[in-house]
Structure formats: C-alpha cells, structure tokens
C-alpha cells in the first residue's frame, strides 16, 4: 500500500512540474500583440533614465507612448533627461553637444530637419548654469539642469520649419541664448 501512495505522489509531482513549466514558459515568451495607436516598440535610451527612441525613430515614453513636449517639464509623458554626466561620458557620435562658454554657446546655432529624434547634451563644465530650455511653448518640456556638469535629453524636433530660441541661465553671465533652426 505504501508503494502505491509513493508512486502516486511521484507521478503527481511530475505532472505538477510539467504544468508549472508550461505556464512559466508561456509567461516568459510574450505573444505578439497588435500595436495600439500612439504606441510602438520601445528602443533603448541613449543614457539610463532618458526617454528612449523607438524603432520608427521617434522619442517616446518608457511605455512607448507619444511625448507631450509642450507640457510642464517633469510631468507625465514629457521627455526625461539623463542623470548628471561627466564630459567623458558623452558619446562622440549620435548626439549634439552644446558647450556653455562665457556668455555664449559653442556652437551658438543648431540646424535639424523637421520631426526627427535628436539627443542634445549641454556641457556646463566651463560655465555652470541653473537651467537650459527653449522659449517656444511647443518645446516647453525640454529642460535641463546640468549645474557644472553635463546633461542630455532626447526629443522630437518640431514638424514645422522655423527658428527656436534656446537659453541657459548662467550663474556668472546671466542669460545666454542660441538658435535652433528647423528646415
């Protein structure tokens, strides 16, 4: 009688193990799901904590939703900046770097095509700044606070051609401005 119970328990454990393995593997292998409107596959951010760039070449939220670049900085669905960076951490390719020097930017103007994902890094190691941003309300959510280091943010350029003033509040020089042209 004890051998029958033992065999029954062994078979029950084996069946339970197979069922557990089946459910575990189905949870780990996600099924293909149709993309919802405004959501696409999410790529990797340039730096941790930043908003990623998806497979379509758009900067999106970490959940793959479209960004709201005109919202209050730091609110939901706005571009997320990197942590503060050392200058040596900024890649030489794939990003645009603005250096804050004295009372100007280097370069003092930028040019991009409409509706393109851009990663902008602001280097304030030579002239500490308290804030970097854009004057245009459609880019209101693009704000950095690099202090005396560097900080990066990925965002989508506006869809319309035009000039967009960017600024920095320098602790020593006051306000510094530059120009981003979309064409």
N, C-alpha and C. Protein backbone atom coordinates (compact mmCIF):
# COMPACT_ATOMS: atom_id res chain seq x y z
N UNK A 1 0.81 -1.19 0.00
CA UNK A 1 0.00 0.00 0.00
C UNK A 1 0.86 1.26 0.00
N UNK A 2 1.93 1.31 0.76
CA UNK A 2 2.80 2.47 0.81
C UNK A 2 3.48 2.73 -0.53
N UNK A 3 3.81 1.67 -1.27
CA UNK A 3 4.45 1.85 -2.59
C UNK A 3 3.48 2.49 -3.57
N UNK A 4 2.19 2.14 -3.51
CA UNK A 4 1.20 2.74 -4.40
C UNK A 4 1.06 4.24 -4.11
N UNK A 5 1.01 4.60 -2.86
CA UNK A 5 0.90 6.01 -2.48
C UNK A 5 2.15 6.77 -2.91
N UNK A 6 3.32 6.16 -2.71
CA UNK A 6 4.58 6.79 -3.11
C UNK A 6 4.62 7.03 -4.61
N UNK A 7 4.24 6.01 -5.41
CA UNK A 7 4.22 6.17 -6.88
C UNK A 7 3.20 7.23 -7.31
N UNK A 8 2.06 7.24 -6.64
CA UNK A 8 1.04 8.24 -6.94
C UNK A 8 1.58 9.65 -6.69
N UNK A 9 2.27 9.85 -5.58
CA UNK A 9 2.84 11.16 -5.26
C UNK A 9 3.94 11.55 -6.26
N UNK A 10 4.78 10.61 -6.66
CA UNK A 10 5.83 10.88 -7.65
C UNK A 10 5.21 11.32 -8.97
N UNK A 11 4.20 10.59 -9.41
CA UNK A 11 3.53 10.94 -10.69
C UNK A 11 2.85 12.30 -10.56
N UNK A 12 2.22 12.57 -9.42
CA UNK A 12 1.57 13.84 -9.20
C UNK A 12 2.58 14.99 -9.22
N UNK A 13 3.74 14.79 -8.62
CA UNK A 13 4.79 15.82 -8.63
C UNK A 13 5.30 16.05 -10.04
N UNK A 14 5.49 15.00 -10.82
CA UNK A 14 5.96 15.14 -12.21
C UNK A 14 4.93 15.90 -13.04
N UNK A 15 3.66 15.56 -12.91
CA UNK A 15 2.61 16.26 -13.66
C UNK A 15 2.55 17.72 -13.23
N UNK A 16 2.65 17.97 -11.92
CA UNK A 16 2.66 19.36 -11.43
C UNK A 16 3.85 20.13 -11.97
N UNK A 17 5.02 19.50 -12.04
CA UNK A 17 6.21 20.15 -12.59
C UNK A 17 6.04 20.51 -14.06
N UNK A 18 5.44 19.61 -14.83
CA UNK A 18 5.20 19.87 -16.26
C UNK A 18 4.22 21.04 -16.42
N UNK A 19 3.17 21.03 -15.63
CA UNK A 19 2.19 22.13 -15.72
C UNK A 19 2.85 23.45 -15.32
N UNK A 20 3.63 23.45 -14.25
CA UNK A 20 4.35 24.65 -13.82
C UNK A 20 5.29 25.14 -14.92
N UNK A 21 6.06 24.25 -15.53
CA UNK A 21 6.99 24.62 -16.60
C UNK A 21 6.24 25.22 -17.78
N UNK A 22 5.08 24.63 -18.14
CA UNK A 22 4.31 25.14 -19.26
C UNK A 22 3.83 26.56 -19.01
N UNK A 23 3.25 26.82 -17.83
CA UNK A 23 2.76 28.16 -17.54
C UNK A 23 3.89 29.16 -17.40
N UNK A 24 5.01 28.77 -16.82
CA UNK A 24 6.15 29.68 -16.67
C UNK A 24 6.72 30.06 -18.03
N UNK A 25 6.87 29.12 -18.93
CA UNK A 25 7.43 29.44 -20.25
C UNK A 25 6.47 30.29 -21.07
N UNK A 26 5.15 30.11 -20.89
CA UNK A 26 4.20 30.94 -21.63
C UNK A 26 4.20 32.38 -21.11
N UNK A 27 4.52 32.58 -19.83
CA UNK A 27 4.61 33.94 -19.29
C UNK A 27 5.88 34.64 -19.74
N UNK A 28 6.97 33.89 -19.93
CA UNK A 28 8.24 34.49 -20.31
C UNK A 28 8.31 34.82 -21.79
N UNK A 29 7.57 34.11 -22.62
CA UNK A 29 7.58 34.35 -24.06
C UNK A 29 6.34 35.15 -24.43
N UNK A 30 6.44 36.48 -24.52
CA UNK A 30 5.25 37.29 -24.81
C UNK A 30 4.73 37.02 -26.22
N UNK A 31 3.42 36.99 -26.31
CA UNK A 31 2.79 36.80 -27.62
C UNK A 31 2.81 38.11 -28.38
N UNK A 32 2.75 38.00 -29.70
CA UNK A 32 2.70 39.22 -30.50
C UNK A 32 1.36 39.89 -30.27
N UNK A 33 1.42 41.17 -29.98
CA UNK A 33 0.21 41.93 -29.76
C UNK A 33 0.17 43.07 -30.76
N UNK A 34 -1.01 43.36 -31.29
CA UNK A 34 -1.08 44.49 -32.22
C UNK A 34 -0.74 45.78 -31.50
N UNK A 35 -0.08 46.69 -32.21
CA UNK A 35 0.29 47.97 -31.62
C UNK A 35 -0.93 48.86 -31.51
N UNK A 36 -1.09 49.49 -30.36
CA UNK A 36 -2.17 50.44 -30.18
C UNK A 36 -1.76 51.76 -30.82
N UNK A 37 -2.73 52.59 -31.11
CA UNK A 37 -2.43 53.89 -31.70
C UNK A 37 -1.57 54.70 -30.74
N UNK A 38 -0.48 55.26 -31.25
CA UNK A 38 0.40 56.07 -30.43
C UNK A 38 1.41 55.26 -29.64
N UNK A 39 1.40 53.94 -29.78
CA UNK A 39 2.34 53.10 -29.05
C UNK A 39 3.10 52.24 -30.06
N UNK A 40 4.41 52.20 -29.96
CA UNK A 40 5.22 51.36 -30.83
C UNK A 40 6.30 50.72 -29.99
N UNK A 41 7.08 49.83 -30.62
CA UNK A 41 8.10 49.15 -29.85
C UNK A 41 9.10 50.16 -29.30
N UNK A 42 9.49 49.97 -28.07
CA UNK A 42 10.36 50.92 -27.39
C UNK A 42 11.80 50.47 -27.54
N UNK A 43 12.67 51.41 -27.90
CA UNK A 43 14.08 51.12 -28.04
C UNK A 43 14.82 51.44 -26.75
N UNK A 44 16.11 51.56 -26.87
CA UNK A 44 16.96 51.86 -25.72
C UNK A 44 17.22 53.36 -25.65
N UNK A 45 17.23 53.91 -24.44
CA UNK A 45 17.61 55.31 -24.30
C UNK A 45 19.12 55.47 -24.50
N UNK A 46 19.56 56.67 -24.86
CA UNK A 46 20.98 56.94 -25.03
C UNK A 46 21.70 56.75 -23.69
N UNK A 47 21.09 57.24 -22.60
CA UNK A 47 21.60 57.06 -21.25
C UNK A 47 20.46 56.55 -20.38
N UNK A 48 20.77 55.81 -19.32
CA UNK A 48 19.70 55.34 -18.42
C UNK A 48 18.86 56.51 -17.91
N UNK A 49 17.58 56.23 -17.72
CA UNK A 49 16.57 57.17 -17.22
C UNK A 49 16.07 58.15 -18.28
N UNK A 50 16.72 58.21 -19.45
CA UNK A 50 16.25 59.11 -20.52
C UNK A 50 15.09 58.46 -21.26
N UNK A 51 14.35 59.27 -22.00
CA UNK A 51 13.30 58.75 -22.87
C UNK A 51 13.96 57.99 -24.02
N UNK A 52 13.43 56.82 -24.35
CA UNK A 52 14.02 56.03 -25.44
C UNK A 52 13.58 56.50 -26.82
N UNK A 53 14.30 56.04 -27.83
CA UNK A 53 13.96 56.30 -29.23
C UNK A 53 13.47 54.97 -29.80
N UNK A 54 12.25 54.96 -30.36
CA UNK A 54 11.66 53.70 -30.82
C UNK A 54 12.17 53.30 -32.20
N UNK A 55 11.66 52.18 -32.70
CA UNK A 55 12.09 51.64 -33.99
C UNK A 55 11.70 52.54 -35.16
N UNK A 56 10.74 53.42 -34.97
CA UNK A 56 10.33 54.36 -36.02
C UNK A 56 11.15 55.64 -35.98
N UNK A 57 12.10 55.74 -35.05
CA UNK A 57 12.95 56.92 -34.96
C UNK A 57 12.30 58.08 -34.23
N UNK A 58 11.37 57.79 -33.32
CA UNK A 58 10.72 58.84 -32.53
C UNK A 58 11.07 58.65 -31.06
N UNK A 59 11.22 59.76 -30.36
CA UNK A 59 11.43 59.69 -28.92
C UNK A 59 10.06 59.48 -28.29
N UNK A 60 9.97 58.49 -27.40
CA UNK A 60 8.70 58.10 -26.78
C UNK A 60 8.89 57.94 -25.26
N UNK A 61 7.79 57.70 -24.57
CA UNK A 61 7.89 57.40 -23.14
C UNK A 61 8.44 55.99 -22.97
N UNK A 62 8.75 55.61 -21.76
CA UNK A 62 9.27 54.27 -21.49
C UNK A 62 8.25 53.19 -21.80
N UNK A 63 6.97 53.58 -21.89
CA UNK A 63 5.91 52.64 -22.25
C UNK A 63 5.60 52.67 -23.74
N UNK A 64 6.33 53.51 -24.49
CA UNK A 64 6.16 53.57 -25.93
C UNK A 64 5.11 54.55 -26.41
N UNK A 65 4.58 55.37 -25.51
CA UNK A 65 3.55 56.35 -25.91
C UNK A 65 4.22 57.62 -26.44
N UNK A 66 3.46 58.37 -27.21
CA UNK A 66 3.95 59.64 -27.75
C UNK A 66 4.22 60.63 -26.64
N UNK A 67 5.21 61.49 -26.85
CA UNK A 67 5.58 62.50 -25.86
C UNK A 67 4.70 63.74 -25.97
N UNK A 68 4.60 64.45 -24.87
CA UNK A 68 3.95 65.76 -24.85
C UNK A 68 5.05 66.77 -24.53
N UNK A 69 5.65 67.35 -25.55
CA UNK A 69 6.79 68.25 -25.37
C UNK A 69 6.39 69.66 -24.99
N UNK A 70 5.08 69.95 -24.98
CA UNK A 70 4.62 71.29 -24.60
C UNK A 70 4.09 71.31 -23.18
N UNK A 71 4.14 70.20 -22.48
CA UNK A 71 3.63 70.12 -21.11
C UNK A 71 4.65 70.71 -20.13
N UNK A 72 4.22 70.83 -18.88
CA UNK A 72 5.11 71.30 -17.83
C UNK A 72 6.26 70.32 -17.67
N UNK A 73 7.50 70.79 -17.64
CA UNK A 73 8.64 69.89 -17.51
C UNK A 73 8.50 68.94 -16.31
N UNK A 74 8.82 67.68 -16.55
CA UNK A 74 8.76 66.68 -15.49
C UNK A 74 7.41 66.02 -15.31
N UNK A 75 6.38 66.50 -16.01
CA UNK A 75 5.07 65.87 -15.87
C UNK A 75 5.00 64.62 -16.75
N UNK A 76 3.91 63.90 -16.65
CA UNK A 76 3.76 62.64 -17.37
C UNK A 76 3.90 62.85 -18.88
N UNK A 77 4.49 61.90 -19.53
CA UNK A 77 4.66 61.86 -20.99
C UNK A 77 5.54 62.97 -21.54
N UNK A 78 6.43 63.52 -20.73
CA UNK A 78 7.39 64.51 -21.23
C UNK A 78 8.76 63.85 -21.38
N UNK A 79 9.63 64.40 -22.22
CA UNK A 79 10.97 63.82 -22.37
C UNK A 79 11.71 63.82 -21.03
N UNK A 80 12.38 62.72 -20.74
CA UNK A 80 13.10 62.59 -19.48
C UNK A 80 14.60 62.78 -19.73
N UNK A 81 15.26 63.64 -18.95
CA UNK A 81 16.70 63.88 -19.14
C UNK A 81 17.55 62.78 -18.51
N UNK A 82 18.82 62.80 -18.85
CA UNK A 82 19.78 61.88 -18.24
C UNK A 82 20.11 62.35 -16.83
N UNK A 83 20.83 61.55 -16.13
CA UNK A 83 21.40 61.99 -14.86
C UNK A 83 22.52 62.97 -15.21
N UNK A 84 23.10 63.62 -14.22
CA UNK A 84 24.25 64.49 -14.47
C UNK A 84 25.42 63.61 -14.93
N UNK A 85 26.14 64.09 -15.93
CA UNK A 85 27.21 63.30 -16.56
C UNK A 85 28.55 64.01 -16.49
N UNK A 86 29.59 63.22 -16.49
CA UNK A 86 30.93 63.78 -16.69
C UNK A 86 31.11 63.93 -18.21
N UNK A 87 31.91 64.87 -18.62
CA UNK A 87 32.10 65.16 -20.05
C UNK A 87 32.58 63.92 -20.80
N UNK A 88 33.43 63.13 -20.19
CA UNK A 88 33.97 61.93 -20.86
C UNK A 88 32.91 60.87 -21.11
N UNK A 89 31.74 60.98 -20.48
CA UNK A 89 30.66 60.02 -20.69
C UNK A 89 29.83 60.32 -21.93
N UNK A 90 29.94 61.51 -22.47
CA UNK A 90 29.13 61.88 -23.65
C UNK A 90 29.74 61.24 -24.89
N UNK A 91 28.96 60.46 -25.64
CA UNK A 91 29.50 59.84 -26.85
C UNK A 91 29.87 60.88 -27.90
N UNK A 92 30.85 60.57 -28.71
CA UNK A 92 31.29 61.48 -29.76
C UNK A 92 30.35 61.47 -30.96
N UNK A 93 29.59 60.39 -31.13
CA UNK A 93 28.67 60.28 -32.27
C UNK A 93 27.25 60.04 -31.79
N UNK A 94 26.29 60.48 -32.57
CA UNK A 94 24.89 60.24 -32.27
C UNK A 94 24.24 61.26 -31.35
N UNK A 95 24.99 62.21 -30.86
CA UNK A 95 24.43 63.27 -30.02
C UNK A 95 24.95 64.62 -30.51
N UNK A 96 24.22 65.66 -30.20
CA UNK A 96 24.66 67.03 -30.48
C UNK A 96 25.01 67.65 -29.14
N UNK A 97 26.24 68.16 -29.03
CA UNK A 97 26.69 68.74 -27.77
C UNK A 97 26.79 70.24 -27.88
N UNK A 98 26.18 70.93 -26.92
CA UNK A 98 26.28 72.38 -26.79
C UNK A 98 27.17 72.65 -25.58
N UNK A 99 28.21 73.42 -25.78
CA UNK A 99 29.08 73.78 -24.67
C UNK A 99 28.78 75.21 -24.26
N UNK A 100 28.66 75.43 -22.95
CA UNK A 100 28.42 76.78 -22.42
C UNK A 100 29.78 77.38 -22.10
N UNK A 101 30.14 78.43 -22.86
CA UNK A 101 31.43 79.10 -22.69
C UNK A 101 31.21 80.58 -22.44
N UNK A 102 31.63 81.08 -21.32
CA UNK A 102 31.47 82.51 -21.05
C UNK A 102 30.03 82.93 -21.21
N UNK A 103 29.79 83.86 -22.15
CA UNK A 103 28.44 84.35 -22.37
C UNK A 103 27.85 83.86 -23.69
N UNK A 104 28.29 82.68 -24.15
CA UNK A 104 27.75 82.13 -25.40
C UNK A 104 27.77 80.60 -25.38
N UNK A 105 27.11 80.03 -26.38
CA UNK A 105 27.14 78.59 -26.60
C UNK A 105 28.14 78.29 -27.71
N UNK A 106 28.68 77.11 -27.70
CA UNK A 106 29.51 76.63 -28.80
C UNK A 106 28.98 75.26 -29.21
N UNK A 107 28.34 75.16 -30.39
CA UNK A 107 28.01 76.22 -31.34
C UNK A 107 26.83 77.05 -30.82
N UNK A 108 26.67 78.25 -31.39
CA UNK A 108 25.58 79.11 -30.93
C UNK A 108 24.31 78.92 -31.74
N UNK A 109 24.38 78.06 -32.78
CA UNK A 109 23.18 77.74 -33.54
C UNK A 109 23.21 76.26 -33.94
N UNK A 110 22.02 75.70 -34.07
CA UNK A 110 21.85 74.30 -34.45
C UNK A 110 20.87 74.23 -35.60
N UNK A 111 21.01 73.22 -36.46
CA UNK A 111 20.07 73.03 -37.55
C UNK A 111 19.69 71.56 -37.64
N UNK A 112 18.37 71.31 -37.66
CA UNK A 112 17.85 69.95 -37.76
C UNK A 112 16.71 69.91 -38.76
N UNK A 113 16.39 68.71 -39.23
CA UNK A 113 15.22 68.51 -40.09
C UNK A 113 13.98 68.36 -39.21
N UNK A 114 12.80 68.64 -39.78
CA UNK A 114 11.56 68.52 -39.00
C UNK A 114 11.28 67.06 -38.58
N UNK A 115 10.63 66.92 -37.44
CA UNK A 115 10.13 65.64 -36.94
C UNK A 115 11.22 64.56 -36.86
N UNK A 116 12.38 64.92 -36.37
CA UNK A 116 13.48 63.98 -36.18
C UNK A 116 13.81 63.85 -34.70
N UNK A 117 14.21 62.66 -34.30
CA UNK A 117 14.66 62.45 -32.93
C UNK A 117 16.06 63.03 -32.79
N UNK A 118 16.27 63.82 -31.76
CA UNK A 118 17.55 64.48 -31.51
C UNK A 118 17.94 64.21 -30.07
N UNK A 119 19.21 63.92 -29.85
CA UNK A 119 19.73 63.85 -28.48
C UNK A 119 20.67 65.02 -28.31
N UNK A 120 20.32 65.91 -27.39
CA UNK A 120 21.07 67.13 -27.14
C UNK A 120 21.73 67.03 -25.77
N UNK A 121 23.03 67.27 -25.73
CA UNK A 121 23.78 67.27 -24.47
C UNK A 121 24.30 68.68 -24.23
N UNK A 122 24.08 69.19 -23.04
CA UNK A 122 24.56 70.52 -22.67
C UNK A 122 25.71 70.34 -21.68
N UNK A 123 26.88 70.87 -22.07
CA UNK A 123 28.10 70.78 -21.27
C UNK A 123 28.30 72.12 -20.55
N UNK A 124 28.09 72.11 -19.25
CA UNK A 124 28.22 73.34 -18.46
C UNK A 124 29.45 73.29 -17.56
N UNK A 125 30.43 72.49 -17.92
CA UNK A 125 31.61 72.34 -17.06
C UNK A 125 32.46 73.60 -17.01
N UNK A 126 32.42 74.43 -18.07
CA UNK A 126 33.21 75.67 -18.11
C UNK A 126 32.46 76.86 -17.53
N UNK A 127 31.14 76.81 -17.58
CA UNK A 127 30.31 77.90 -17.08
C UNK A 127 29.04 77.30 -16.49
N UNK A 128 28.99 77.10 -15.18
CA UNK A 128 27.81 76.47 -14.56
C UNK A 128 26.51 77.22 -14.87
N UNK A 129 25.47 76.44 -15.15
CA UNK A 129 24.15 77.03 -15.43
C UNK A 129 23.12 76.36 -14.53
N UNK A 130 22.05 77.09 -14.26
CA UNK A 130 20.99 76.54 -13.42
C UNK A 130 19.87 75.93 -14.25
N UNK A 131 19.73 76.36 -15.52
CA UNK A 131 18.66 75.82 -16.35
C UNK A 131 18.96 76.04 -17.83
N UNK A 132 18.57 75.04 -18.65
CA UNK A 132 18.63 75.15 -20.11
C UNK A 132 17.24 74.80 -20.61
N UNK A 133 16.75 75.54 -21.61
CA UNK A 133 15.45 75.23 -22.17
C UNK A 133 15.21 75.98 -23.47
N UNK A 134 13.98 75.88 -23.98
CA UNK A 134 13.57 76.56 -25.20
C UNK A 134 12.48 77.58 -24.88
N UNK A 135 12.48 78.69 -25.61
CA UNK A 135 11.48 79.74 -25.41
C UNK A 135 10.12 79.36 -26.01
N UNK A 136 10.11 78.54 -27.07
CA UNK A 136 8.88 78.19 -27.76
C UNK A 136 8.04 77.25 -26.90
N UNK A 137 6.75 77.52 -26.81
CA UNK A 137 5.86 76.72 -25.96
C UNK A 137 5.74 75.27 -26.43
N UNK A 138 5.97 75.01 -27.72
CA UNK A 138 5.88 73.62 -28.21
C UNK A 138 7.04 72.76 -27.72
N UNK A 139 8.09 73.40 -27.18
CA UNK A 139 9.25 72.69 -26.63
C UNK A 139 9.43 72.98 -25.14
N UNK A 140 8.38 73.39 -24.49
CA UNK A 140 8.44 73.80 -23.09
C UNK A 140 8.95 72.70 -22.15
N UNK A 141 8.70 71.44 -22.49
CA UNK A 141 9.09 70.32 -21.62
C UNK A 141 10.58 69.97 -21.73
N UNK A 142 11.29 70.56 -22.69
CA UNK A 142 12.72 70.28 -22.88
C UNK A 142 13.50 71.18 -21.93
N UNK A 143 13.83 70.67 -20.76
CA UNK A 143 14.55 71.44 -19.75
C UNK A 143 15.64 70.57 -19.14
N UNK A 144 16.81 71.18 -18.99
CA UNK A 144 17.95 70.52 -18.34
C UNK A 144 18.47 71.39 -17.21
N UNK A 145 19.06 70.77 -16.22
CA UNK A 145 19.67 71.47 -15.09
C UNK A 145 21.06 70.87 -14.84
N UNK A 146 22.02 71.11 -15.73
CA UNK A 146 23.31 70.43 -15.62
C UNK A 146 24.26 70.97 -14.55
N UNK A 147 23.93 72.11 -13.96
CA UNK A 147 24.78 72.74 -12.95
C UNK A 147 26.18 72.95 -13.53
N UNK A 148 27.21 72.27 -13.00
CA UNK A 148 28.57 72.44 -13.53
C UNK A 148 29.08 71.16 -14.21
N UNK A 149 28.12 70.34 -14.70
CA UNK A 149 28.47 69.10 -15.38
C UNK A 149 27.80 69.10 -16.75
N UNK A 150 27.41 67.94 -17.22
CA UNK A 150 26.69 67.83 -18.49
C UNK A 150 25.41 67.05 -18.24
N UNK A 151 24.43 67.27 -19.11
CA UNK A 151 23.17 66.54 -19.03
C UNK A 151 22.61 66.46 -20.44
N UNK A 152 21.94 65.35 -20.75
CA UNK A 152 21.42 65.12 -22.10
C UNK A 152 19.91 64.86 -22.05
N UNK A 153 19.28 65.10 -23.18
CA UNK A 153 17.85 64.82 -23.32
C UNK A 153 17.58 64.49 -24.80
N UNK A 154 16.72 63.51 -25.03
CA UNK A 154 16.28 63.19 -26.40
C UNK A 154 14.88 63.76 -26.58
N UNK A 155 14.63 64.35 -27.74
CA UNK A 155 13.32 64.92 -28.03
C UNK A 155 13.09 64.88 -29.53
N UNK A 156 11.85 65.13 -29.93
CA UNK A 156 11.48 65.18 -31.35
C UNK A 156 11.46 66.64 -31.79
N UNK A 157 12.13 66.92 -32.91
CA UNK A 157 12.11 68.30 -33.41
C UNK A 157 10.71 68.63 -33.91
N UNK A 158 10.34 69.91 -33.86
CA UNK A 158 9.01 70.31 -34.33
C UNK A 158 8.79 69.93 -35.80
N UNK A 159 7.53 69.79 -36.17
CA UNK A 159 7.18 69.42 -37.53
C UNK A 159 7.20 70.57 -38.51
N UNK A 160 7.17 71.80 -38.01
CA UNK A 160 7.16 72.98 -38.88
C UNK A 160 8.54 73.61 -38.94
N UNK A 161 8.89 74.12 -40.12
CA UNK A 161 10.14 74.87 -40.26
C UNK A 161 10.07 76.13 -39.42
N UNK A 162 11.22 76.56 -38.94
CA UNK A 162 11.25 77.81 -38.18
C UNK A 162 12.46 77.89 -37.28
N UNK A 163 12.56 78.99 -36.57
CA UNK A 163 13.65 79.23 -35.63
C UNK A 163 13.12 79.12 -34.21
N UNK A 164 13.89 78.48 -33.35
CA UNK A 164 13.51 78.25 -31.97
C UNK A 164 14.67 78.68 -31.08
N UNK A 165 14.41 79.65 -30.22
CA UNK A 165 15.44 80.18 -29.33
C UNK A 165 15.62 79.23 -28.15
N UNK A 166 16.89 78.89 -27.86
CA UNK A 166 17.18 78.16 -26.63
C UNK A 166 17.98 79.07 -25.72
N UNK A 167 17.94 78.80 -24.43
CA UNK A 167 18.57 79.69 -23.46
C UNK A 167 19.20 78.88 -22.33
N UNK A 168 20.08 79.53 -21.62
CA UNK A 168 20.64 78.99 -20.38
C UNK A 168 20.74 80.11 -19.38
N UNK A 169 20.45 79.81 -18.14
CA UNK A 169 20.62 80.77 -17.06
C UNK A 169 21.98 80.48 -16.42
N UNK A 170 22.96 81.31 -16.75
CA UNK A 170 24.31 81.15 -16.23
C UNK A 170 24.41 81.81 -14.86
N UNK A 171 25.08 81.12 -13.96
CA UNK A 171 25.26 81.67 -12.62
C UNK A 171 26.18 82.88 -12.64
N UNK A 172 27.09 82.95 -13.62
CA UNK A 172 28.05 84.06 -13.70
C UNK A 172 27.70 85.09 -14.77
N UNK A 173 27.13 84.65 -15.89
CA UNK A 173 26.92 85.54 -17.04
C UNK A 173 25.46 85.97 -17.25
N UNK A 174 24.53 85.48 -16.47
CA UNK A 174 23.12 85.81 -16.71
C UNK A 174 22.56 84.91 -17.80
N UNK A 175 21.64 85.45 -18.60
CA UNK A 175 21.02 84.63 -19.65
C UNK A 175 21.89 84.58 -20.90
N UNK A 176 22.01 83.37 -21.45
CA UNK A 176 22.75 83.12 -22.70
C UNK A 176 21.73 82.52 -23.66
N UNK A 177 21.74 82.95 -24.93
CA UNK A 177 20.79 82.42 -25.90
C UNK A 177 21.49 81.88 -27.13
N UNK A 178 20.79 81.01 -27.81
CA UNK A 178 21.23 80.45 -29.08
C UNK A 178 20.00 80.16 -29.93
N UNK A 179 20.20 79.61 -31.12
CA UNK A 179 19.09 79.41 -32.06
C UNK A 179 19.14 78.03 -32.66
N UNK A 180 17.98 77.33 -32.63
CA UNK A 180 17.80 76.06 -33.32
C UNK A 180 16.92 76.31 -34.53
N UNK A 181 17.40 75.98 -35.71
CA UNK A 181 16.64 76.16 -36.95
C UNK A 181 16.15 74.82 -37.43
N UNK A 182 14.89 74.75 -37.77
CA UNK A 182 14.29 73.53 -38.33
C UNK A 182 13.98 73.83 -39.80
N UNK A 183 14.61 73.04 -40.69
CA UNK A 183 14.29 73.21 -42.13
C UNK A 183 14.63 71.96 -42.89
